[in-house]
Amino acid sequence: MKNTDRNYTGTRFSLMRATWVMLLTLSALFLQSSAKQLGVRFTDVTRKSGIDFIYTFGDYHYENILESSGSGVTVFDYNNDGLMDLFMMNGTYIYGVSDEGGKVFRQTPDRLYRNEGNGRFTEVSELAGLNDTIWSMAAGAIDYDNDGDEDLFLLNYGPNRFFRNNGDGTFSDITSDLGLRGPEKLNGFEKWSIGVSFWDHNLDGRLDAMVGNFLAFDPKYFTPATPDLMPHPSEYRGQASILYEQDSTGRFVDVTEANGLYYPDSKCMGLTVFDYDDDGDIDIFQANDHQLNFMFRNDDGVYREVGVEIGVAANTQGKGSGSMHGSIGDVDGDGLIDILVVDLEYGALYRNRGNGLFEDISETSGISGPLACKGAWAAALIDFDNDGDLDIVSANGTAEELVLQYPLLLENDGTGHFKDRGKIYGPYFNTLRSGRGLAVWDYDNDGDRDIIISHVDLTAKASLLMNDGGNSNHWIGISLRGKNGPASAIAAKVVVTAGGKRQVHINQWATSYLSNNDPRIHIGLGKAETVERLEIHWTGGRKEVFENIAADRYLIILEGSGIVEEAR
């Protein structure tokens, strides 16, 4: 009887196993079939590409808020060859912060990867002079001196550094010449910068900058009740973000207090500049960590904080959360620019109502369920299939403990409603990771958006996801260059009409947590082969209109001179 039972049990187990194998096989075949039918597949080509970046947080133990924060990703064309290159920031050993065993990480430089145009990258940070070993958080690429190549502003835990592009593949540190090093300390502790936005805030034709600073990190502080746990960000004081105005000599002067922007205890995690109320001047959205978010409305050159008043301060639970960044775009196709804010708890999608107010549509749009408790650090609005609407990709992972999460790819149905569809588009979205910085770009110039993500998990390797199939629809890419440099191009509005559909895009600056996307405006056109009408609304007030532009190419538009060049 026992043998019979044993045989029956074994047979039953075998049948169950066979059934599960069959179901898993059918499921895999369905997913493959769906992905094939949809025409898009994200393939991890990191190793093949030569990107060997591994992030280090200074020691072997993940135990404080600095170590948990990770670093960003910046995409820019540093050598002007028409190919987007990659800059990735790194941590390092810091005495008094890192464990003694972390001394092996004293020399962990940032990495610059040159795009060779054949799907491969070459690491050239030392050759270029960008192998900085300060704890780096983020970097902003900008043509500061209007000489035709992009310079690099490096934001650090510690002194910031500005590198001028020499035009020969190398960079020179000119921080002291510009006055952008920043104060040594804020609120009594080491300055901790997390990002920058450049734009012409006072419309004088010169480029200004706002540096976002995080919190006053005390490495010796531990929560008395729970000394074995990482202190929560709410237990620290903040650090003021700083607005720098460029004077006639080219130096940057701190004008924060004079412009009503001095909040000494704010905890900035991201800055986004755009004209949210369409009144002709540029406003500032500041995402704050476990505080209410700020919207600094520009009223004829005078800033006033109106976040609560207009409906973008709190998350779906009605409170300030661990907001990471504000990504902007028209998600529902109504011509108005909405704001996506991801955080470590719920996230929020604020729909622009067109009357100076926003409404929280997180629940009705379908994003709240997938994002809940995922620990979303970086996110980007991305038209990954070039169908003319903006989808969402996010890099996820918890903060206090190294708990892995699935990354998300939320597909827009064209009306501003999203569904989690990542698992059918590639194995990466079926893999538990702990992501931090994220950027979207077209590294192979084939007309669709690829993704690069940094991680802080046990492997800490970056992931380059190649979009294979998104270019089956038509598209157009646009680089805007102001008449006197980038000042009038940043935050400019681009309106594209193609195939009877009207799309509105903003020439953005910082686009994700600690990260900057491909600087080219990328617009999916669906089946339309021609852009019927293209409007450029420059920030200085000039409007230019172009008609009947062939799709599937990158263009460079110079203010006042029109389409001056088809990008290589």
Protein backbone atom coordinates (compact mmCIF):
# COMPACT_ATOMS: atom_id res chain seq x y z
CA MET A 1 0.00 0.00 0.00
CA LYS A 2 2.79 2.37 0.87
CA ASN A 3 4.52 1.60 -2.42
CA THR A 4 1.26 2.19 -4.26
CA ASP A 5 0.80 5.50 -2.45
CA ARG A 6 4.37 6.42 -3.18
CA ASN A 7 3.93 5.55 -6.85
CA TYR A 8 0.68 7.49 -7.02
CA THR A 9 2.27 10.48 -5.35
CA GLY A 10 5.24 10.30 -7.67
CA THR A 11 2.99 10.01 -10.70
CA ARG A 12 0.88 12.91 -9.52
CA PHE A 13 3.99 15.01 -8.95
CA SER A 14 5.26 14.11 -12.41
CA LEU A 15 1.96 15.08 -13.97
CA MET A 16 1.90 18.34 -12.04
CA ARG A 17 5.45 19.11 -13.08
CA ALA A 18 4.68 18.31 -16.69
CA THR A 19 1.62 20.53 -16.53
CA TRP A 20 3.62 23.41 -15.09
CA VAL A 21 6.34 22.97 -17.68
CA MET A 22 3.72 23.00 -20.42
CA LEU A 23 2.07 26.12 -18.97
CA LEU A 24 5.38 27.93 -18.62
CA THR A 25 6.31 26.95 -22.17
CA LEU A 26 2.97 28.17 -23.51
CA SER A 27 3.33 31.37 -21.48
CA ALA A 28 6.80 31.97 -22.87
CA LEU A 29 5.61 31.29 -26.40
CA PHE A 30 2.70 33.68 -25.87
CA LEU A 31 4.99 36.42 -24.61
CA GLN A 32 7.40 35.88 -27.50
CA SER A 33 4.51 35.89 -29.94
CA SER A 34 3.06 39.04 -28.42
CA ALA A 35 6.40 40.82 -28.51
CA LYS A 36 6.95 39.71 -32.09
CA GLN A 37 3.48 40.85 -33.05
CA LEU A 38 4.06 44.19 -31.39
CA GLY A 39 7.37 44.59 -33.21
CA VAL A 40 9.42 45.81 -30.23
CA ARG A 41 12.01 43.92 -28.26
CA PHE A 42 14.46 45.31 -25.70
CA THR A 43 17.70 43.33 -25.75
CA ASP A 44 20.43 43.70 -23.13
CA VAL A 45 23.59 44.42 -25.16
CA THR A 46 25.73 45.81 -22.32
CA ARG A 47 28.51 43.26 -22.54
CA LYS A 48 28.51 43.26 -26.33
CA SER A 49 28.72 47.06 -26.41
CA GLY A 50 31.84 47.29 -24.24
CA ILE A 51 30.14 49.21 -21.41
CA ASP A 52 31.81 47.68 -18.36
CA PHE A 53 30.72 50.22 -15.72
CA ILE A 54 30.27 48.85 -12.18
CA TYR A 55 29.02 51.24 -9.51
CA THR A 56 30.70 51.38 -6.10
CA PHE A 57 29.37 53.14 -3.03
CA GLY A 58 32.72 53.21 -1.20
CA ASP A 59 32.69 50.00 0.81
CA TYR A 60 31.13 46.56 1.08
CA HIS A 61 28.24 47.46 3.40
CA TYR A 62 25.10 49.28 2.30
CA GLU A 63 24.29 51.13 5.51
CA ASN A 64 23.73 54.89 5.12
CA ILE A 65 21.71 57.25 2.97
CA LEU A 66 24.67 58.38 0.86
CA GLU A 67 25.53 54.81 -0.06
CA SER A 68 21.92 54.03 -0.93
CA SER A 69 21.47 56.98 -3.28
CA GLY A 70 23.40 55.67 -6.28
CA SER A 71 24.37 57.89 -9.17
CA GLY A 72 23.17 59.10 -12.51
CA VAL A 73 23.64 58.73 -16.23
CA THR A 74 24.28 61.55 -18.71
CA VAL A 75 23.98 61.25 -22.48
CA PHE A 76 25.69 63.83 -24.73
CA ASP A 77 27.79 64.08 -27.89
CA TYR A 78 31.09 65.27 -26.46
CA ASN A 79 33.12 64.99 -29.71
CA ASN A 80 30.50 66.31 -32.15
CA ASP A 81 30.46 63.24 -34.39
CA GLY A 82 26.66 62.91 -34.37
CA LEU A 83 26.76 59.90 -32.04
CA MET A 84 25.57 60.06 -28.43
CA ASP A 85 28.24 59.25 -25.87
CA LEU A 86 27.75 58.11 -22.29
CA PHE A 87 29.00 59.53 -18.98
CA MET A 88 28.42 57.51 -15.81
CA MET A 89 29.08 58.75 -12.29
CA ASN A 90 30.66 56.74 -9.47
CA GLY A 91 30.97 56.75 -5.70
CA THR A 92 34.20 56.34 -3.77
CA TYR A 93 35.68 55.63 -0.36
CA ILE A 94 35.24 58.57 2.02
CA TYR A 95 36.98 58.67 5.39
CA GLY A 96 34.44 58.87 8.21
CA VAL A 97 31.61 57.64 5.97
CA SER A 98 32.81 54.36 4.48
CA ASP A 99 33.93 51.30 6.42
CA GLU A 100 37.66 50.77 6.68
CA GLY A 101 37.43 47.79 4.35
CA GLY A 102 36.29 50.14 1.64
CA LYS A 103 39.76 51.65 1.20
CA VAL A 104 40.16 49.47 -1.89
CA PHE A 105 37.61 51.79 -3.52
CA ARG A 106 39.74 54.93 -3.14
CA GLN A 107 40.21 55.21 -6.90
CA THR A 108 36.86 54.54 -8.54
CA PRO A 109 36.60 57.22 -11.22
CA ASP A 110 33.68 58.37 -13.29
CA ARG A 111 33.54 56.83 -16.75
CA LEU A 112 33.18 58.40 -20.21
CA TYR A 113 32.28 55.99 -22.99
CA ARG A 114 32.86 57.14 -26.58
CA ASN A 115 30.32 55.86 -29.08
CA GLU A 116 32.16 54.26 -31.99
CA GLY A 117 29.08 54.01 -34.20
CA ASN A 118 29.23 50.26 -34.68
CA GLY A 119 27.31 49.30 -31.56
CA ARG A 120 30.42 49.47 -29.39
CA PHE A 121 31.84 51.98 -26.92
CA THR A 122 35.40 52.80 -25.85
CA GLU A 123 36.14 53.97 -22.29
CA VAL A 124 38.08 57.28 -22.60
CA SER A 125 37.61 59.10 -19.27
CA GLU A 126 41.35 59.36 -18.50
CA LEU A 127 42.16 60.42 -22.04
CA ALA A 128 39.44 63.09 -21.89
CA GLY A 129 40.37 64.31 -18.40
CA LEU A 130 37.03 63.30 -16.88
CA ASN A 131 38.25 60.53 -14.54
CA ASP A 132 37.15 62.45 -11.45
CA THR A 133 37.32 60.48 -8.15
CA ILE A 134 35.12 62.73 -5.99
CA TRP A 135 31.78 61.17 -5.01
CA SER A 136 29.77 62.13 -8.11
CA MET A 137 25.99 62.22 -8.22
CA ALA A 138 24.96 63.80 -11.53
CA ALA A 139 26.30 65.73 -14.50
CA GLY A 140 24.80 68.29 -16.83
CA ALA A 141 26.08 68.77 -20.38
CA ILE A 142 25.73 72.29 -21.81
CA ASP A 143 27.47 74.44 -24.42
CA TYR A 144 28.32 77.11 -21.86
CA ASP A 145 30.53 79.26 -24.09
CA ASN A 146 28.60 78.80 -27.36
CA ASP A 147 31.62 77.41 -29.21
CA GLY A 148 29.72 74.48 -30.70
CA ASP A 149 30.67 71.71 -28.27
CA GLU A 150 29.19 70.59 -24.99
CA ASP A 151 30.84 71.25 -21.66
CA LEU A 152 30.15 69.25 -18.50
CA PHE A 153 29.07 70.38 -15.03
CA LEU A 154 29.71 67.67 -12.44
CA LEU A 155 27.52 67.67 -9.30
CA ASN A 156 29.10 66.01 -6.27
CA TYR A 157 28.88 65.15 -2.63
CA GLY A 158 31.57 67.72 -2.02
CA PRO A 159 32.82 70.49 -4.32
CA ASN A 160 31.22 70.69 -7.75
CA ARG A 161 33.39 70.85 -10.88
CA PHE A 162 32.84 72.45 -14.27
CA PHE A 163 34.78 71.05 -17.23
CA ARG A 164 35.15 73.07 -20.44
CA ASN A 165 35.23 71.06 -23.64
CA ASN A 166 38.46 71.95 -25.45
CA GLY A 167 37.11 70.74 -28.79
CA ASP A 168 39.84 68.13 -29.23
CA GLY A 169 38.36 65.32 -27.14
CA THR A 170 39.68 66.70 -23.83
CA PHE A 171 38.25 68.81 -21.01
CA SER A 172 39.72 71.45 -18.66
CA ASP A 173 38.52 72.25 -15.14
CA ILE A 174 37.41 75.92 -15.07
CA THR A 175 35.26 75.75 -11.92
CA SER A 176 37.14 78.51 -10.12
CA ASP A 177 36.78 80.82 -13.13
CA LEU A 178 33.00 80.46 -13.15
CA GLY A 179 32.17 80.50 -9.44
CA LEU A 180 30.21 77.24 -9.56
CA ARG A 181 32.16 75.23 -6.99
CA GLY A 182 29.45 75.94 -4.43
CA PRO A 183 29.77 76.46 -0.68
CA GLU A 184 31.82 73.93 1.25
CA LYS A 185 28.99 73.29 3.69
CA LEU A 186 25.26 73.89 3.95
CA ASN A 187 23.41 73.65 7.26
CA GLY A 188 26.65 72.66 8.94
CA PHE A 189 27.52 69.63 6.78
CA GLU A 190 29.18 68.78 3.47
CA LYS A 191 27.30 70.23 0.51
CA TRP A 192 25.43 67.46 -1.31
CA SER A 193 24.44 68.46 -4.86
CA ILE A 194 22.16 66.19 -6.85
CA GLY A 195 21.55 68.02 -10.11
CA VAL A 196 21.38 71.22 -12.11
CA SER A 197 19.06 72.96 -14.54
CA PHE A 198 20.35 75.53 -17.01
CA TRP A 199 18.12 78.16 -18.61
CA ASP A 200 17.86 81.92 -19.08
CA HIS A 201 15.81 82.72 -15.99
CA ASN A 202 15.83 86.53 -16.43
CA LEU A 203 15.71 86.59 -20.27
CA ASP A 204 18.91 88.63 -20.62
CA GLY A 205 20.32 86.26 -23.25
CA ARG A 206 22.80 84.69 -20.86
CA LEU A 207 22.67 81.17 -19.46
CA ASP A 208 21.84 80.86 -15.75
CA ALA A 209 21.87 77.76 -13.53
CA MET A 210 20.06 76.36 -10.53
CA VAL A 211 21.84 73.69 -8.48
CA GLY A 212 19.67 71.32 -6.49
CA ASN A 213 21.06 70.31 -3.10
CA PHE A 214 19.79 67.45 -0.97
CA LEU A 215 20.26 67.13 2.79
CA ALA A 216 22.73 67.80 5.60
CA PHE A 217 24.12 64.30 5.91
CA ASP A 218 25.71 63.51 9.29
CA PRO A 219 27.57 60.19 8.87
CA LYS A 220 27.82 59.78 12.66
CA TYR A 221 24.10 59.98 13.27
CA PHE A 222 22.08 56.84 13.97
CA THR A 223 18.47 56.65 15.09
CA PRO A 224 18.58 56.04 18.88
CA ALA A 225 15.62 53.67 18.90
CA THR A 226 16.86 51.62 15.93
CA PRO A 227 20.67 52.01 15.76
CA ASP A 228 21.01 49.09 13.35
CA LEU A 229 18.79 50.72 10.70
CA MET A 230 19.60 53.46 8.24
CA PRO A 231 18.21 56.84 9.45
CA HIS A 232 15.25 58.10 7.44
CA PRO A 233 15.73 61.26 5.29
CA SER A 234 13.16 63.06 7.45
CA GLU A 235 15.59 62.83 10.39
CA TYR A 236 18.09 65.16 8.70
CA ARG A 237 17.96 68.86 7.96
CA GLY A 238 17.86 69.94 4.33
CA GLN A 239 20.14 72.07 2.16
CA ALA A 240 19.05 75.01 0.06
CA SER A 241 19.04 74.83 -3.72
CA ILE A 242 21.00 77.71 -5.25
CA LEU A 243 20.15 79.92 -8.23
CA TYR A 244 23.20 81.30 -10.03
CA GLU A 245 22.83 84.24 -12.41
CA GLN A 246 25.48 84.70 -15.06
CA ASP A 247 26.83 88.26 -15.15
CA SER A 248 28.39 90.14 -18.06
CA THR A 249 31.87 88.79 -17.19
CA GLY A 250 30.76 85.16 -17.54
CA ARG A 251 30.85 84.41 -13.81
CA PHE A 252 27.91 82.95 -11.92
CA VAL A 253 26.59 84.87 -8.90
CA ASP A 254 24.32 83.47 -6.18
CA VAL A 255 20.96 85.31 -6.42
CA THR A 256 18.82 82.76 -4.56
CA GLU A 257 17.52 84.99 -1.76
CA ALA A 258 16.96 87.99 -4.02
CA ASN A 259 14.65 85.88 -6.19
CA GLY A 260 12.59 84.35 -3.38
CA LEU A 261 14.04 80.85 -3.82
CA TYR A 262 15.90 80.42 -0.52
CA TYR A 263 14.52 77.42 1.37
CA PRO A 264 17.36 76.31 3.68
CA ASP A 265 15.73 73.07 4.81
CA SER A 266 14.43 71.80 1.48
CA LYS A 267 15.58 68.38 0.26
CA CYS A 268 15.74 68.64 -3.49
CA MET A 269 15.94 65.47 -5.58
CA GLY A 270 15.25 66.96 -8.99
CA LEU A 271 14.72 70.24 -10.85
CA THR A 272 12.57 70.70 -13.94
CA VAL A 273 12.15 74.03 -15.74
CA PHE A 274 9.25 74.74 -18.12
CA ASP A 275 6.44 77.21 -18.67
CA TYR A 276 3.67 75.24 -16.96
CA ASP A 277 1.05 78.03 -17.21
CA ASP A 278 1.96 79.08 -20.77
CA ASP A 279 2.40 82.75 -19.84
CA GLY A 280 5.73 83.22 -21.60
CA ASP A 281 8.15 82.83 -18.69
CA ILE A 282 9.87 79.77 -17.26
CA ASP A 283 8.78 78.22 -13.97
CA ILE A 284 10.66 75.77 -11.71
CA PHE A 285 9.38 72.46 -10.37
CA GLN A 286 11.44 71.09 -7.47
CA ALA A 287 10.82 67.50 -6.38
CA ASN A 288 11.56 67.12 -2.66
CA ASP A 289 12.36 64.06 -0.59
CA HIS A 290 9.72 63.45 2.11
CA GLN A 291 8.57 67.04 1.86
CA LEU A 292 5.92 68.76 -0.19
CA ASN A 293 7.14 69.46 -3.72
CA PHE A 294 7.67 73.06 -4.85
CA MET A 295 6.45 74.87 -7.94
CA PHE A 296 8.11 78.27 -8.21
CA ARG A 297 5.87 80.28 -10.49
CA ASN A 298 7.62 83.03 -12.40
CA ASP A 299 5.46 86.16 -12.38
CA ASP A 300 7.34 88.72 -14.50
CA GLY A 301 10.66 87.80 -12.96
CA VAL A 302 9.39 87.30 -9.40
CA TYR A 303 9.15 83.71 -8.14
CA ARG A 304 6.40 82.55 -5.80
CA GLU A 305 6.04 79.02 -4.42
CA VAL A 306 2.57 77.70 -5.40
CA GLY A 307 2.90 73.90 -5.25
CA VAL A 308 -0.02 73.34 -2.88
CA GLU A 309 -2.11 76.01 -4.56
CA ILE A 310 -1.91 74.46 -8.04
CA GLY A 311 -2.03 70.80 -6.95
CA VAL A 312 1.48 69.37 -7.46
CA ALA A 313 2.85 69.37 -3.90
CA ALA A 314 1.59 66.05 -2.50
CA ASN A 315 1.34 62.46 -3.70
CA THR A 316 -1.80 60.36 -4.10
CA GLN A 317 -1.97 59.92 -0.34
CA GLY A 318 -2.06 63.67 0.23
CA LYS A 319 1.40 63.95 1.73
CA GLY A 320 4.99 64.70 0.78
CA SER A 321 6.88 61.56 -0.13
CA GLY A 322 10.26 60.51 -1.41
CA SER A 323 9.86 62.33 -4.73
CA MET A 324 12.72 61.66 -7.10
CA HIS A 325 12.16 63.94 -10.06
CA GLY A 326 9.51 65.59 -12.18
CA SER A 327 9.42 64.28 -15.76
CA ILE A 328 7.29 66.36 -18.12
CA GLY A 329 5.32 65.64 -21.26
CA ASP A 330 1.83 65.59 -22.73
CA VAL A 331 0.63 62.12 -21.73
CA ASP A 332 -2.99 62.42 -22.89
CA GLY A 333 -2.56 64.33 -26.15
CA ASP A 334 -4.46 67.46 -25.15
CA GLY A 335 -1.54 69.79 -25.91
CA LEU A 336 -0.82 70.59 -22.26
CA ILE A 337 2.33 69.53 -20.41
CA ASP A 338 1.76 67.11 -17.52
CA ILE A 339 4.13 66.10 -14.70
CA LEU A 340 5.11 62.56 -13.70
CA VAL A 341 6.68 62.26 -10.24
CA VAL A 342 7.94 58.88 -9.10
CA ASP A 343 8.83 58.20 -5.50
CA LEU A 344 9.66 55.36 -3.16
CA GLU A 345 6.04 54.73 -2.19
CA TYR A 346 3.31 55.56 -4.73
CA GLY A 347 4.24 58.05 -7.41
CA ALA A 348 1.94 60.65 -8.92
CA LEU A 349 0.81 61.79 -12.37
CA TYR A 350 -0.42 65.38 -12.44
CA ARG A 351 -2.60 66.29 -15.41
CA ASN A 352 -2.38 69.89 -16.57
CA ARG A 353 -5.93 71.30 -16.69
CA GLY A 354 -4.92 74.35 -18.72
CA ASN A 355 -6.09 76.91 -16.18
CA GLY A 356 -2.90 77.04 -14.13
CA LEU A 357 -4.00 74.04 -12.06
CA PHE A 358 -3.22 70.30 -12.05
CA GLU A 359 -5.23 67.27 -11.03
CA ASP A 360 -3.84 63.99 -9.72
CA ILE A 361 -4.82 61.22 -12.16
CA SER A 362 -2.57 58.51 -10.74
CA GLU A 363 -5.48 56.19 -10.01
CA THR A 364 -7.51 56.76 -13.16
CA SER A 365 -4.45 56.64 -15.43
CA GLY A 366 -3.45 53.19 -14.15
CA ILE A 367 0.02 54.03 -12.84
CA SER A 368 -0.65 53.83 -9.11
CA GLY A 369 -1.01 50.04 -8.96
CA PRO A 370 2.21 49.12 -10.79
CA LEU A 371 4.24 51.82 -9.01
CA ALA A 372 2.94 51.20 -5.47
CA CYS A 373 5.78 50.26 -3.10
CA LYS A 374 8.17 49.53 -5.96
CA GLY A 375 10.68 52.15 -4.87
CA ALA A 376 10.84 53.97 -8.20
CA TRP A 377 14.02 56.06 -8.36
CA ALA A 378 14.38 57.14 -11.97
CA ALA A 379 11.65 57.32 -14.58
CA ALA A 380 11.33 58.74 -18.05
CA LEU A 381 8.53 59.48 -20.48
CA ILE A 382 9.45 57.58 -23.62
CA ASP A 383 7.65 56.84 -26.89
CA PHE A 384 9.37 53.47 -27.24
CA ASP A 385 7.27 52.28 -30.20
CA ASN A 386 7.08 55.64 -32.06
CA ASP A 387 3.28 55.55 -32.12
CA GLY A 388 2.99 59.18 -31.06
CA ASP A 389 2.22 58.87 -27.36
CA LEU A 390 4.43 58.86 -24.28
CA ASP A 391 4.99 55.67 -22.30
CA ILE A 392 6.77 55.32 -18.93
CA VAL A 393 9.90 53.40 -17.97
CA SER A 394 11.12 53.27 -14.35
CA ALA A 395 14.12 51.86 -12.49
CA ASN A 396 13.09 50.46 -9.12
CA GLY A 397 14.56 49.29 -5.83
CA THR A 398 14.15 50.06 -2.13
CA ALA A 399 16.27 52.51 -0.14
CA GLU A 400 16.72 51.37 3.45
CA GLU A 401 17.53 47.78 2.51
CA LEU A 402 18.90 46.27 -0.66
CA VAL A 403 15.59 44.76 -1.75
CA LEU A 404 15.31 44.11 -5.46
CA GLN A 405 12.31 45.06 -7.58
CA TYR A 406 11.12 44.52 -11.13
CA PRO A 407 11.67 47.49 -13.45
CA LEU A 408 8.55 48.74 -15.20
CA LEU A 409 7.56 49.64 -18.74
CA LEU A 410 4.07 51.17 -18.72
CA GLU A 411 2.46 51.44 -22.14
CA ASN A 412 0.17 54.34 -23.02
CA ASP A 413 -3.00 53.43 -24.91
CA GLY A 414 -2.97 56.89 -26.55
CA THR A 415 -5.39 58.53 -24.13
CA GLY A 416 -3.19 58.75 -21.03
CA HIS A 417 -4.08 55.32 -19.63
CA PHE A 418 -1.22 52.94 -18.86
CA LYS A 419 -0.72 49.20 -18.48
CA ASP A 420 2.37 47.36 -17.25
CA ARG A 421 3.62 45.61 -20.38
CA GLY A 422 7.36 45.37 -19.77
CA LYS A 423 7.47 41.61 -19.35
CA ILE A 424 6.48 41.03 -22.98
CA TYR A 425 9.15 43.37 -24.30
CA GLY A 426 12.31 41.78 -22.97
CA PRO A 427 13.94 39.69 -20.22
CA TYR A 428 15.29 42.72 -18.37
CA PHE A 429 11.77 43.61 -17.24
CA ASN A 430 11.47 40.12 -15.80
CA THR A 431 14.65 40.51 -13.73
CA LEU A 432 14.82 41.72 -10.13
CA ARG A 433 17.30 44.61 -9.83
CA SER A 434 17.92 47.70 -7.73
CA GLY A 435 18.05 50.55 -10.23
CA ARG A 436 18.99 54.18 -9.72
CA GLY A 437 19.89 56.47 -12.65
CA LEU A 438 18.16 56.01 -16.01
CA ALA A 439 18.34 57.74 -19.38
CA VAL A 440 16.62 57.16 -22.71
CA TRP A 441 18.53 57.77 -25.94
CA ASP A 442 19.08 56.61 -29.49
CA TYR A 443 22.66 55.41 -29.24
CA ASP A 444 22.60 53.65 -32.62
CA ASN A 445 20.76 56.46 -34.46
CA ASP A 446 18.18 54.05 -35.88
CA GLY A 447 15.21 56.16 -34.88
CA ASP A 448 13.95 54.45 -31.74
CA ARG A 449 14.65 55.01 -28.05
CA ASP A 450 17.09 52.78 -26.20
CA ILE A 451 17.55 52.71 -22.41
CA ILE A 452 20.61 52.84 -20.12
CA ILE A 453 20.25 52.14 -16.37
CA SER A 454 22.70 52.18 -13.44
CA HIS A 455 22.28 49.88 -10.42
CA VAL A 456 23.42 49.53 -6.80
CA ASP A 457 22.61 45.84 -6.34
CA LEU A 458 25.20 43.13 -5.69
CA THR A 459 26.42 43.12 -9.30
CA ALA A 460 26.05 46.92 -9.71
CA LYS A 461 26.55 46.58 -13.46
CA ALA A 462 24.90 48.99 -15.85
CA SER A 463 22.34 47.72 -18.38
CA LEU A 464 22.13 48.95 -21.96
CA LEU A 465 18.79 47.94 -23.48
CA MET A 466 18.69 48.15 -27.27
CA ASN A 467 15.28 48.84 -28.77
CA ASP A 468 14.85 46.46 -31.65
CA GLY A 469 11.70 47.19 -33.59
CA GLY A 470 10.54 50.54 -32.35
CA ASN A 471 11.58 52.13 -35.62
CA SER A 472 8.91 50.27 -37.57
CA ASN A 473 6.88 53.47 -37.17
CA HIS A 474 8.06 56.84 -38.44
CA TRP A 475 9.77 59.49 -36.34
CA ILE A 476 11.70 62.73 -36.37
CA GLY A 477 14.48 64.04 -34.11
CA ILE A 478 15.17 67.74 -33.52
CA SER A 479 18.12 69.59 -31.98
CA LEU A 480 17.41 73.23 -31.12
CA ARG A 481 20.18 75.83 -31.04
CA GLY A 482 19.50 79.37 -29.92
CA LYS A 483 20.80 82.32 -31.89
CA ASN A 484 23.21 83.27 -29.12
CA GLY A 485 23.72 79.85 -27.60
CA PRO A 486 21.46 77.45 -25.71
CA ALA A 487 19.80 80.11 -23.52
CA SER A 488 16.77 80.64 -25.79
CA ALA A 489 16.50 76.96 -26.72
CA ILE A 490 16.12 75.43 -23.26
CA ALA A 491 12.42 75.04 -22.35
CA ALA A 492 11.36 76.01 -25.89
CA LYS A 493 8.06 74.48 -27.02
CA VAL A 494 7.87 72.32 -30.14
CA VAL A 495 4.50 71.63 -31.80
CA VAL A 496 4.37 68.91 -34.46
CA THR A 497 1.40 68.12 -36.70
CA ALA A 498 1.66 64.86 -38.65
CA GLY A 499 -0.94 62.42 -39.90
CA GLY A 500 -3.64 64.73 -38.55
CA LYS A 501 -2.26 64.39 -34.99
CA ARG A 502 -0.89 67.35 -33.03
CA GLN A 503 1.90 66.77 -30.49
CA VAL A 504 3.49 69.22 -28.05
CA HIS A 505 7.00 68.68 -26.66
CA ILE A 506 9.33 70.73 -24.47
CA ASN A 507 13.07 71.05 -25.08
CA GLN A 508 13.97 69.76 -21.63
CA TRP A 509 17.01 69.90 -19.44
CA ALA A 510 17.32 67.34 -16.63
CA THR A 511 14.95 64.50 -17.40
CA SER A 512 15.26 61.81 -14.70
CA TYR A 513 16.67 61.16 -11.23
CA LEU A 514 20.34 62.27 -11.36
CA SER A 515 20.22 61.74 -15.13
CA ASN A 516 19.90 63.46 -18.49
CA ASN A 517 18.31 61.92 -21.56
CA ASP A 518 19.39 62.23 -25.17
CA PRO A 519 19.28 66.03 -25.72
CA ARG A 520 17.52 65.62 -29.07
CA ILE A 521 13.74 65.98 -29.05
CA HIS A 522 12.46 62.64 -30.29
CA ILE A 523 8.93 62.50 -31.70
CA GLY A 524 7.14 59.35 -32.82
CA LEU A 525 4.93 59.86 -35.87
CA GLY A 526 3.15 56.53 -36.23
CA LYS A 527 2.40 55.87 -39.90
CA ALA A 528 2.91 59.49 -41.00
CA GLU A 529 5.80 59.88 -43.46
CA THR A 530 5.78 63.67 -43.40
CA VAL A 531 5.60 66.36 -40.74
CA GLU A 532 2.92 68.65 -42.08
CA ARG A 533 3.70 71.53 -39.74
CA LEU A 534 6.47 72.18 -37.23
CA GLU A 535 6.29 75.14 -34.83
CA ILE A 536 9.16 76.29 -32.63
CA HIS A 537 8.30 78.65 -29.77
CA TRP A 538 11.66 79.94 -28.54
CA THR A 539 11.89 81.12 -24.94
CA GLY A 540 12.73 84.67 -26.02
CA GLY A 541 9.35 84.96 -27.74
CA ARG A 542 10.27 84.21 -31.35
CA LYS A 543 8.02 81.78 -33.25
CA GLU A 544 9.10 79.90 -36.36
CA VAL A 545 7.03 77.61 -38.59
CA PHE A 546 8.21 74.95 -41.05
CA GLU A 547 6.09 72.78 -43.34
CA ASN A 548 6.28 69.47 -45.19
CA ILE A 549 9.35 67.95 -43.56
CA ALA A 550 10.29 64.38 -44.45
CA ALA A 551 10.30 61.99 -41.50
CA ASP A 552 12.90 59.49 -40.26
CA ARG A 553 15.86 61.84 -39.76
CA TYR A 554 17.54 64.07 -37.22
CA LEU A 555 17.50 67.82 -37.86
CA ILE A 556 19.34 70.79 -36.38
CA ILE A 557 17.32 74.02 -36.22
CA LEU A 558 19.08 77.33 -35.53
CA GLU A 559 16.93 80.17 -34.21
CA GLY A 560 16.36 82.69 -36.97
CA SER A 561 18.11 80.59 -39.63
CA GLY A 562 15.78 77.61 -39.94
CA ILE A 563 16.85 74.03 -40.62
CA VAL A 564 20.57 74.55 -41.06
CA GLU A 565 21.75 70.96 -41.07
CA GLU A 566 20.59 67.40 -41.18
CA ALA A 567 22.39 65.69 -38.34
CA ARG A 568 24.88 62.99 -39.24
